[in-house]
Amino acid sequence: MAEAIIVSIAGEIIAKLVPQALEKVGKLWGIKHELEVLKDTVSTLQAVLHDAEEKYYQSRQIQVWLEKLKDAFYDAQDVLEELNIATVRRELRGHNKMIKEVRTFFSSSNQLAFKLNMSYKVRAVRGRIEAINAARRFHLDECPVDLRVEREWWKREETHSFIREGDITGRDDDKKMVMKFLLDSDVKEHVAILPIVGIGGLGKTALAQWVYNDERVSKHFDLKMWVCVSSDFDMKKVVKKIIACAKKKESTEVAMEHLQSELRAEIDDKRYLLVLDDLWNVERKTWLSLKTLLVGGARGSKILITTRIPLVAEITSTAPPHLLGGLSESASVDILMQMACRKEEEIQDPDMLAIGKEIVKKCSGVPLVVRTIGSLLFFKKTKPEWLHFKDNELPEVSQREDSIISVLKLSYDYLPSHLKQCFTFCSLFPKDYEIKKQTLVDLWVAEGFIQPSNRSQHLEEIAHGYFMDLLWSNFFQDFKKDPITKAETCKMHDLMCDLAYLVAGTESCVAWADTKSINERTRHISLGLTFSLMGELPVSGLKASALRTILSVVPKPTTYWEMKQREPPSQADLCQLIKSFKSLRILDLHATNVKKVPRKALAKNYCGLEELNGLNNIQGSLSIENLGHIIDAVAESRAANLIGKHSLKSVELRWGYLDIDDASIGDRDEALLDGLRPHSNLQNLTIDGYKGGAFQGG
């Protein structure tokens, strides 16, 4: 991932050293000259980074050089963040609320020591960057950022659109064969089993979804259940997933004896359809145990299995497996042209159609490859560009997954740097994980991946555009929008997950049960339910300044009981975690059963309302707690400037518990609430613990 993120880090360093920041921070600490030289050094290197990114996979020398430079840039980023934090803390002295710790920190002796220390750190990191560049023994072309034309990533003329997985082309015959199996009632077995077998990317899941949602199938079966098994065939987990599908709610049972009884109660004497999607491995003994629990369904019940592994089909099937082949040439051309062309007349252009037919011959009928290449061709408008792509860039694809990955890697190479970084971050999600779009957007913003071209742009809106770019380009799939909550979700194809893991390298780590060690330079970690934070998870060996992300990723369905059974981290572990990794930008503890974060691990004072003053581009929701502890109600509430935050949709104002029976409290709360009046665009307002009298809206 070095080639993707180093361009973004360089841009972030330079953004922190704009003239206004140099003037403010540099003069304050007496290191303006050192910061100016650091900016010049990084700017000079930035001009060749794009060429280095282009050549990353062509030269091992360039890869090693960029890895070293990336680490040095990260350290420079840390130094600048330390300076900015110290500057903000010093500015607190200008407010009425004097913080003792800040006064102590900024005594004259401490200020001098801090200036000397920061001056040394800036010079040291700049010297390290210069030494790495001086050791370079290969040529890179300069390409000034303001004149550079990045690989053509044109903005689309229409709104974002994409072909849903359900809009399947070229699989009519396959559907007829599977439908015949499902609707056939003249069977000897109570439960008949059909595996659909094929390599990744052929559309096994899409075909299963197509028949599963067919109206004839819905009328034929009393009960339909869809379970994604993936690589972990755990008998108890699979049974719990089947029960959750049948009952439309998660089982609270834990013991296998109770689970098997609950499962049989749901399916016995019902004609059911069960889809076991993406079954990777299963021992015959385990399969027979599960099958025993499933045979109680009424005659005509069916199980549909999708798998890449012929041995899995041999173990599970009662009918000859359906071997899914590649798409026909005509179906492949139809998909390619739909993805690649803006207008109907372009789809019918005979010259472009002829080139398209030559291109799909190299795709071996793999739908995922055809769609991905179609997305790339969308940005190539002319016949010469299509010909050049066909003859010089597109490799021959066989129906082997390593060959398919090489084509998907080509689509990754064509992404601009900021989208590469955002996609690679998704390596933190396990396969078949349902990704919440808003959560992903928030994570990208928190990591500093979003690059506004002007100050008037909202970061969340830019991040939304990034998401849609990746969705349209087939890096995401299964996009859904809840009709009630409007929450948007997506998934990544297994092969796209493999691609994300490949390009992330040691930059990211998904820490699951079989994780024995983590590279010391790892920057981002996601945790499953099986790990304690500082116990069995080997984070103690990580470079303290390296880690940026600790993300809890809990696969569904995960019951409340499973969450409660997990032992929460100790107060000592939390203190060690927070104090050790000072560069953390994301610390997600939602799945760790944390009851309370120790005060000694945090700042010794709550954030003041005045710190909200200039944050007028906040979007979504804002919660303000412990308002009962406010002393100067009028000054502090007005300093928050909620009325200036026009993009907020929801605000929570919580006073907290304060056992004081004083008549003045009511007056104080009324003044506080009046000063916290939000913008008229607000949709939801929650007030809790308020002790004032009636108040007026508006």
Foldseek 3Di string as FASTA:
>chain_A
DLLQCVLVLLVVLLVCLDPVNLVQLCVVLVNSVLSVLLNVLSQVVSQQSNQLSLCVVVDPLSVVLSVQLSVLSLLSVVLSVVSVVLSVLQCVCVDPDDDPVSCVCVDPVNSVVVSVVSNVSSVVSSVSNVVSVVPDDDDTDGHRPVRDDAQQDDDDPDPFDADALLPDFQCPVVLVVVLCLLQDLPDDAQEFEAEEAAFFQQSLVSSVVNNLPDPVNVVRWPFEAEAECAEDPDLVVRLQRRLCRQVVHGDPDDDPVVSLVSLLVRAAATQYEYEHEAYEDDDLVSLVVNVVSRRRHGRSHYYYYYYHDVVVCVSHGPDPYHYRAAGDLVRLLVLLLVLQDDDPVSSVPPLVSVLSSLQVQQVRRRNLLSNLVSPVNNSPDDSVVSVCCSPPPDHRADRDLVSSLVSVVSSLSSDRSLLNVLLLVCLLADAPAKAWLQVSLVVCVLVSSFDDPDPVDQSSVSSVVSVSSCVSSQQWHPWDADPPPRTIIIGGRPSSSVSSCVVCDLQEEEDEDPDQDHDQQHAEYEYELPDADPDRHPNPSHQQARYAYYHYGYGPPDDPSSLVPADADDQVSLLCVLVSNVNHSYDYCPSRPDPDHDCVSDDVDDDFLLVLQPVQADAEEEEDEQLLPDDPQQVRLLSNVQQSNLRYAEYEYYNDDDPDDDPVLQVSLQNNVVSNQHHPNYNYYHYYPHDHDDDDHD
